[in-house]
Amino acid sequence: MVPPWGVWRSFPDPQSDRPIEAPVGPGIYEVRHAETGALVAFGHTGNVARVLSDMTPKPSARLFRAFRRPLPHRVEELEYRTCATASAHEAKSAAEHLRDRRDAYWRRRTLAG
């Protein structure tokens, strides 16, 4: 069983000091393009807030930006939602369950079309 998802949130402006609103513990995250709904990132981690924060550019890191892997979209075009779990193991199991459900849906849809 997958715990409930939080609401979709916009990423904070990279120039602001506003933090990501996400669990500082284990859970699942999903990032999508706000306009199209296209999935950009999905995964499980022991610290959801850190992973999502690492996806955003830092104002003080301009020098190192050339060495970072660029996001496929500007952060202003993205939104995220999270799902807190009791442990990293539970996060991994829930993410695998969701991935399996998503794969089954796309297989059925492909076969039907």
N, C-alpha and C. Protein backbone atom coordinates (compact mmCIF):
# COMPACT_ATOMS: atom_id res chain seq x y z
N MET A 1 0.84 -1.19 0.00
CA MET A 1 0.00 0.00 0.00
C MET A 1 0.89 1.25 0.00
N VAL A 2 0.51 2.19 -0.81
CA VAL A 2 1.28 3.43 -0.93
C VAL A 2 0.64 4.51 -0.04
N PRO A 3 1.42 5.15 0.82
CA PRO A 3 0.87 6.25 1.62
C PRO A 3 0.36 7.37 0.71
N PRO A 4 -0.48 8.26 1.20
CA PRO A 4 -1.04 9.31 0.35
C PRO A 4 0.01 10.35 -0.09
N TRP A 5 -0.18 10.83 -1.32
CA TRP A 5 0.67 11.88 -1.87
C TRP A 5 0.27 13.22 -1.29
N GLY A 6 1.22 14.13 -1.24
CA GLY A 6 0.93 15.51 -0.90
C GLY A 6 0.42 16.22 -2.14
N VAL A 7 0.12 17.49 -2.01
CA VAL A 7 -0.37 18.28 -3.14
C VAL A 7 0.81 18.66 -4.05
N TRP A 8 0.50 18.98 -5.31
CA TRP A 8 1.53 19.48 -6.23
C TRP A 8 1.93 20.88 -5.80
N ARG A 9 3.23 21.14 -5.77
CA ARG A 9 3.76 22.45 -5.37
C ARG A 9 4.75 22.94 -6.43
N SER A 10 4.80 24.24 -6.59
CA SER A 10 5.80 24.85 -7.47
C SER A 10 7.12 24.90 -6.71
N PHE A 11 8.22 24.76 -7.46
CA PHE A 11 9.53 24.93 -6.83
C PHE A 11 9.69 26.39 -6.44
N PRO A 12 10.36 26.67 -5.32
CA PRO A 12 10.60 28.07 -4.96
C PRO A 12 11.54 28.73 -5.96
N ASP A 13 11.42 30.04 -6.08
CA ASP A 13 12.30 30.81 -6.94
C ASP A 13 13.74 30.57 -6.49
N PRO A 14 14.64 30.19 -7.41
CA PRO A 14 16.03 29.91 -7.02
C PRO A 14 16.73 31.10 -6.36
N GLN A 15 16.27 32.32 -6.62
CA GLN A 15 16.89 33.51 -6.03
C GLN A 15 16.39 33.77 -4.62
N SER A 16 15.32 33.10 -4.20
CA SER A 16 14.78 33.33 -2.86
C SER A 16 15.41 32.36 -1.87
N ASP A 17 15.18 32.63 -0.61
CA ASP A 17 15.66 31.74 0.45
C ASP A 17 14.57 30.77 0.89
N ARG A 18 13.47 30.73 0.15
CA ARG A 18 12.35 29.86 0.52
C ARG A 18 12.76 28.40 0.36
N PRO A 19 12.54 27.59 1.39
CA PRO A 19 12.94 26.17 1.29
C PRO A 19 11.92 25.34 0.51
N ILE A 20 12.35 24.18 0.09
CA ILE A 20 11.46 23.18 -0.49
C ILE A 20 10.57 22.66 0.64
N GLU A 21 9.29 22.52 0.38
CA GLU A 21 8.38 21.96 1.38
C GLU A 21 8.26 20.46 1.14
N ALA A 22 9.10 19.71 1.84
CA ALA A 22 9.18 18.27 1.65
C ALA A 22 9.70 17.61 2.92
N PRO A 23 9.43 16.32 3.09
CA PRO A 23 9.93 15.62 4.27
C PRO A 23 11.46 15.62 4.34
N VAL A 24 11.99 15.82 5.52
CA VAL A 24 13.42 15.77 5.73
C VAL A 24 13.81 14.34 6.09
N GLY A 25 12.95 13.42 5.77
CA GLY A 25 13.18 12.01 6.03
C GLY A 25 12.84 11.19 4.80
N PRO A 26 12.63 9.90 4.98
CA PRO A 26 12.39 9.01 3.85
C PRO A 26 11.05 9.24 3.16
N GLY A 27 11.03 8.93 1.86
CA GLY A 27 9.79 9.06 1.11
C GLY A 27 10.01 8.94 -0.38
N ILE A 28 8.96 9.28 -1.11
CA ILE A 28 8.94 9.22 -2.56
C ILE A 28 8.72 10.64 -3.08
N TYR A 29 9.30 10.93 -4.22
CA TYR A 29 9.08 12.23 -4.85
C TYR A 29 8.75 12.02 -6.32
N GLU A 30 8.04 13.00 -6.86
CA GLU A 30 7.69 13.00 -8.28
C GLU A 30 7.77 14.44 -8.75
N VAL A 31 8.42 14.66 -9.87
CA VAL A 31 8.56 16.00 -10.46
C VAL A 31 7.98 15.93 -11.86
N ARG A 32 7.16 16.92 -12.20
CA ARG A 32 6.57 16.95 -13.53
C ARG A 32 6.62 18.36 -14.10
N HIS A 33 6.48 18.42 -15.43
CA HIS A 33 6.36 19.71 -16.11
C HIS A 33 4.96 20.22 -15.81
N ALA A 34 4.84 21.41 -15.28
CA ALA A 34 3.55 21.92 -14.82
C ALA A 34 2.52 22.05 -15.94
N GLU A 35 2.94 22.48 -17.10
CA GLU A 35 2.00 22.72 -18.20
C GLU A 35 1.57 21.43 -18.89
N THR A 36 2.50 20.53 -19.14
CA THR A 36 2.19 19.33 -19.91
C THR A 36 1.92 18.10 -19.06
N GLY A 37 2.36 18.11 -17.80
CA GLY A 37 2.21 16.95 -16.95
C GLY A 37 3.24 15.87 -17.20
N ALA A 38 4.19 16.12 -18.10
CA ALA A 38 5.21 15.12 -18.42
C ALA A 38 6.09 14.85 -17.20
N LEU A 39 6.32 13.58 -16.92
CA LEU A 39 7.14 13.17 -15.79
C LEU A 39 8.60 13.53 -16.06
N VAL A 40 9.22 14.20 -15.10
CA VAL A 40 10.62 14.62 -15.22
C VAL A 40 11.51 13.79 -14.29
N ALA A 41 11.02 13.50 -13.09
CA ALA A 41 11.80 12.71 -12.13
C ALA A 41 10.85 11.98 -11.19
N PHE A 42 11.28 10.79 -10.77
CA PHE A 42 10.52 9.98 -9.82
C PHE A 42 11.51 9.12 -9.08
N GLY A 43 11.34 8.98 -7.79
CA GLY A 43 12.26 8.11 -7.06
C GLY A 43 11.95 8.04 -5.58
N HIS A 44 12.76 7.28 -4.88
CA HIS A 44 12.66 7.15 -3.43
C HIS A 44 14.01 7.52 -2.83
N THR A 45 13.99 7.97 -1.60
CA THR A 45 15.21 8.41 -0.95
C THR A 45 15.04 8.42 0.56
N GLY A 46 16.14 8.52 1.24
CA GLY A 46 16.13 8.66 2.69
C GLY A 46 15.91 10.08 3.15
N ASN A 47 16.03 11.06 2.24
CA ASN A 47 15.83 12.47 2.57
C ASN A 47 15.25 13.18 1.35
N VAL A 48 13.93 13.27 1.29
CA VAL A 48 13.24 13.84 0.13
C VAL A 48 13.61 15.31 -0.07
N ALA A 49 13.64 16.09 1.00
CA ALA A 49 13.95 17.52 0.88
C ALA A 49 15.31 17.75 0.26
N ARG A 50 16.30 16.95 0.66
CA ARG A 50 17.65 17.12 0.10
C ARG A 50 17.70 16.82 -1.39
N VAL A 51 17.05 15.74 -1.80
CA VAL A 51 17.06 15.37 -3.22
C VAL A 51 16.39 16.46 -4.05
N LEU A 52 15.24 16.95 -3.61
CA LEU A 52 14.55 18.00 -4.37
C LEU A 52 15.35 19.30 -4.36
N SER A 53 15.97 19.62 -3.25
CA SER A 53 16.82 20.83 -3.20
C SER A 53 18.01 20.72 -4.13
N ASP A 54 18.56 19.53 -4.26
CA ASP A 54 19.71 19.33 -5.16
C ASP A 54 19.32 19.51 -6.63
N MET A 55 18.03 19.42 -6.95
CA MET A 55 17.57 19.59 -8.33
C MET A 55 17.48 21.05 -8.74
N THR A 56 17.51 21.95 -7.77
CA THR A 56 17.35 23.37 -8.08
C THR A 56 18.69 24.08 -8.10
N PRO A 57 18.84 25.06 -8.98
CA PRO A 57 20.10 25.81 -9.02
C PRO A 57 20.23 26.67 -7.77
N LYS A 58 21.43 26.84 -7.31
CA LYS A 58 21.71 27.66 -6.13
C LYS A 58 22.30 28.99 -6.59
N PRO A 59 21.80 30.10 -6.05
CA PRO A 59 22.33 31.41 -6.46
C PRO A 59 23.84 31.53 -6.26
N SER A 60 24.38 30.90 -5.21
CA SER A 60 25.81 31.02 -4.93
C SER A 60 26.66 30.04 -5.73
N ALA A 61 26.03 29.19 -6.53
CA ALA A 61 26.78 28.16 -7.25
C ALA A 61 26.94 28.48 -8.73
N ARG A 62 26.92 29.73 -9.11
CA ARG A 62 27.02 30.10 -10.53
C ARG A 62 28.31 29.56 -11.16
N LEU A 63 29.40 29.60 -10.42
CA LEU A 63 30.68 29.14 -10.93
C LEU A 63 30.62 27.65 -11.30
N PHE A 64 29.89 26.86 -10.52
CA PHE A 64 29.86 25.42 -10.73
C PHE A 64 28.73 24.96 -11.64
N ARG A 65 27.89 25.86 -12.09
CA ARG A 65 26.74 25.47 -12.91
C ARG A 65 27.15 24.72 -14.17
N ALA A 66 28.30 25.07 -14.73
CA ALA A 66 28.75 24.41 -15.95
C ALA A 66 29.08 22.94 -15.70
N PHE A 67 29.37 22.58 -14.46
CA PHE A 67 29.73 21.20 -14.14
C PHE A 67 28.54 20.36 -13.72
N ARG A 68 27.40 20.99 -13.45
CA ARG A 68 26.22 20.25 -13.03
C ARG A 68 25.47 19.74 -14.25
N ARG A 69 24.82 18.62 -14.07
CA ARG A 69 23.96 18.10 -15.13
C ARG A 69 22.72 18.98 -15.19
N PRO A 70 22.40 19.57 -16.33
CA PRO A 70 21.26 20.49 -16.38
C PRO A 70 19.94 19.75 -16.30
N LEU A 71 18.96 20.41 -15.70
CA LEU A 71 17.61 19.89 -15.68
C LEU A 71 17.04 19.96 -17.09
N PRO A 72 16.12 19.08 -17.45
CA PRO A 72 15.55 19.13 -18.79
C PRO A 72 14.65 20.34 -19.00
N HIS A 73 14.26 20.99 -17.92
CA HIS A 73 13.39 22.17 -18.00
C HIS A 73 13.88 23.19 -16.98
N ARG A 74 13.44 24.42 -17.14
CA ARG A 74 13.73 25.43 -16.13
C ARG A 74 12.91 25.10 -14.89
N VAL A 75 13.47 25.36 -13.73
CA VAL A 75 12.81 25.00 -12.47
C VAL A 75 11.45 25.71 -12.34
N GLU A 76 11.31 26.87 -12.97
CA GLU A 76 10.04 27.61 -12.91
C GLU A 76 8.92 26.87 -13.63
N GLU A 77 9.27 25.94 -14.52
CA GLU A 77 8.28 25.19 -15.29
C GLU A 77 7.88 23.89 -14.61
N LEU A 78 8.50 23.59 -13.46
CA LEU A 78 8.30 22.30 -12.82
C LEU A 78 7.50 22.42 -11.54
N GLU A 79 6.88 21.31 -11.15
CA GLU A 79 6.24 21.21 -9.86
C GLU A 79 6.51 19.82 -9.30
N TYR A 80 6.36 19.68 -7.99
CA TYR A 80 6.70 18.43 -7.35
C TYR A 80 5.63 18.05 -6.32
N ARG A 81 5.60 16.77 -6.00
CA ARG A 81 4.79 16.30 -4.88
C ARG A 81 5.58 15.21 -4.19
N THR A 82 5.25 15.00 -2.93
CA THR A 82 6.00 14.04 -2.13
C THR A 82 5.06 13.13 -1.36
N CYS A 83 5.64 12.06 -0.87
CA CYS A 83 4.91 11.08 -0.09
C CYS A 83 5.87 10.61 1.00
N ALA A 84 5.60 10.97 2.24
CA ALA A 84 6.48 10.57 3.34
C ALA A 84 6.23 9.11 3.71
N THR A 85 7.29 8.43 4.11
CA THR A 85 7.17 7.05 4.57
C THR A 85 7.89 6.91 5.91
N ALA A 86 7.64 5.80 6.58
CA ALA A 86 8.23 5.57 7.90
C ALA A 86 9.70 5.19 7.82
N SER A 87 10.12 4.62 6.69
CA SER A 87 11.51 4.18 6.57
C SER A 87 11.94 4.21 5.11
N ALA A 88 13.24 4.14 4.90
CA ALA A 88 13.77 4.09 3.53
C ALA A 88 13.33 2.81 2.84
N HIS A 89 13.23 1.72 3.59
CA HIS A 89 12.77 0.45 3.02
C HIS A 89 11.32 0.57 2.53
N GLU A 90 10.48 1.20 3.34
CA GLU A 90 9.08 1.41 2.93
C GLU A 90 9.01 2.31 1.70
N ALA A 91 9.86 3.32 1.63
CA ALA A 91 9.89 4.21 0.47
C ALA A 91 10.27 3.44 -0.79
N LYS A 92 11.26 2.57 -0.68
CA LYS A 92 11.69 1.77 -1.82
C LYS A 92 10.58 0.84 -2.28
N SER A 93 9.92 0.16 -1.34
CA SER A 93 8.82 -0.76 -1.68
C SER A 93 7.66 -0.02 -2.34
N ALA A 94 7.30 1.13 -1.78
CA ALA A 94 6.19 1.90 -2.35
C ALA A 94 6.53 2.40 -3.75
N ALA A 95 7.78 2.86 -3.96
CA ALA A 95 8.19 3.34 -5.28
C ALA A 95 8.17 2.20 -6.29
N GLU A 96 8.62 1.03 -5.90
CA GLU A 96 8.58 -0.14 -6.81
C GLU A 96 7.14 -0.50 -7.15
N HIS A 97 6.25 -0.45 -6.16
CA HIS A 97 4.84 -0.75 -6.39
C HIS A 97 4.24 0.25 -7.39
N LEU A 98 4.52 1.52 -7.19
CA LEU A 98 4.00 2.55 -8.11
C LEU A 98 4.57 2.38 -9.51
N ARG A 99 5.86 2.07 -9.60
CA ARG A 99 6.50 1.85 -10.90
C ARG A 99 5.86 0.65 -11.62
N ASP A 100 5.60 -0.43 -10.88
CA ASP A 100 4.95 -1.60 -11.47
C ASP A 100 3.55 -1.27 -11.96
N ARG A 101 2.79 -0.50 -11.18
CA ARG A 101 1.44 -0.10 -11.60
C ARG A 101 1.49 0.77 -12.85
N ARG A 102 2.44 1.70 -12.89
CA ARG A 102 2.58 2.58 -14.05
C ARG A 102 2.94 1.77 -15.30
N ASP A 103 3.87 0.83 -15.15
CA ASP A 103 4.28 -0.02 -16.28
C ASP A 103 3.11 -0.86 -16.78
N ALA A 104 2.33 -1.43 -15.87
CA ALA A 104 1.17 -2.25 -16.25
C ALA A 104 0.13 -1.40 -17.00
N TYR A 105 -0.08 -0.18 -16.53
CA TYR A 105 -1.02 0.72 -17.19
C TYR A 105 -0.59 0.98 -18.63
N TRP A 106 0.70 1.30 -18.83
CA TRP A 106 1.19 1.62 -20.18
C TRP A 106 1.19 0.39 -21.07
N ARG A 107 1.45 -0.80 -20.51
CA ARG A 107 1.37 -2.02 -21.31
C ARG A 107 -0.07 -2.25 -21.80
N ARG A 108 -1.03 -2.12 -20.89
CA ARG A 108 -2.45 -2.29 -21.27
C ARG A 108 -2.86 -1.26 -22.32
N ARG A 109 -2.43 -0.03 -22.11
CA ARG A 109 -2.80 1.04 -23.03
C ARG A 109 -2.20 0.81 -24.43
N THR A 110 -0.95 0.32 -24.45
CA THR A 110 -0.28 0.04 -25.73
C THR A 110 -0.95 -1.10 -26.46
N LEU A 111 -1.32 -2.14 -25.74
CA LEU A 111 -1.98 -3.29 -26.35
C LEU A 111 -3.38 -2.95 -26.84
N ALA A 112 -4.06 -2.05 -26.15
CA ALA A 112 -5.42 -1.66 -26.53
C ALA A 112 -5.41 -0.74 -27.76
N GLY A 113 -4.34 -0.01 -27.94
CA GLY A 113 -4.30 0.99 -29.01
C GLY A 113 -3.72 0.48 -30.24
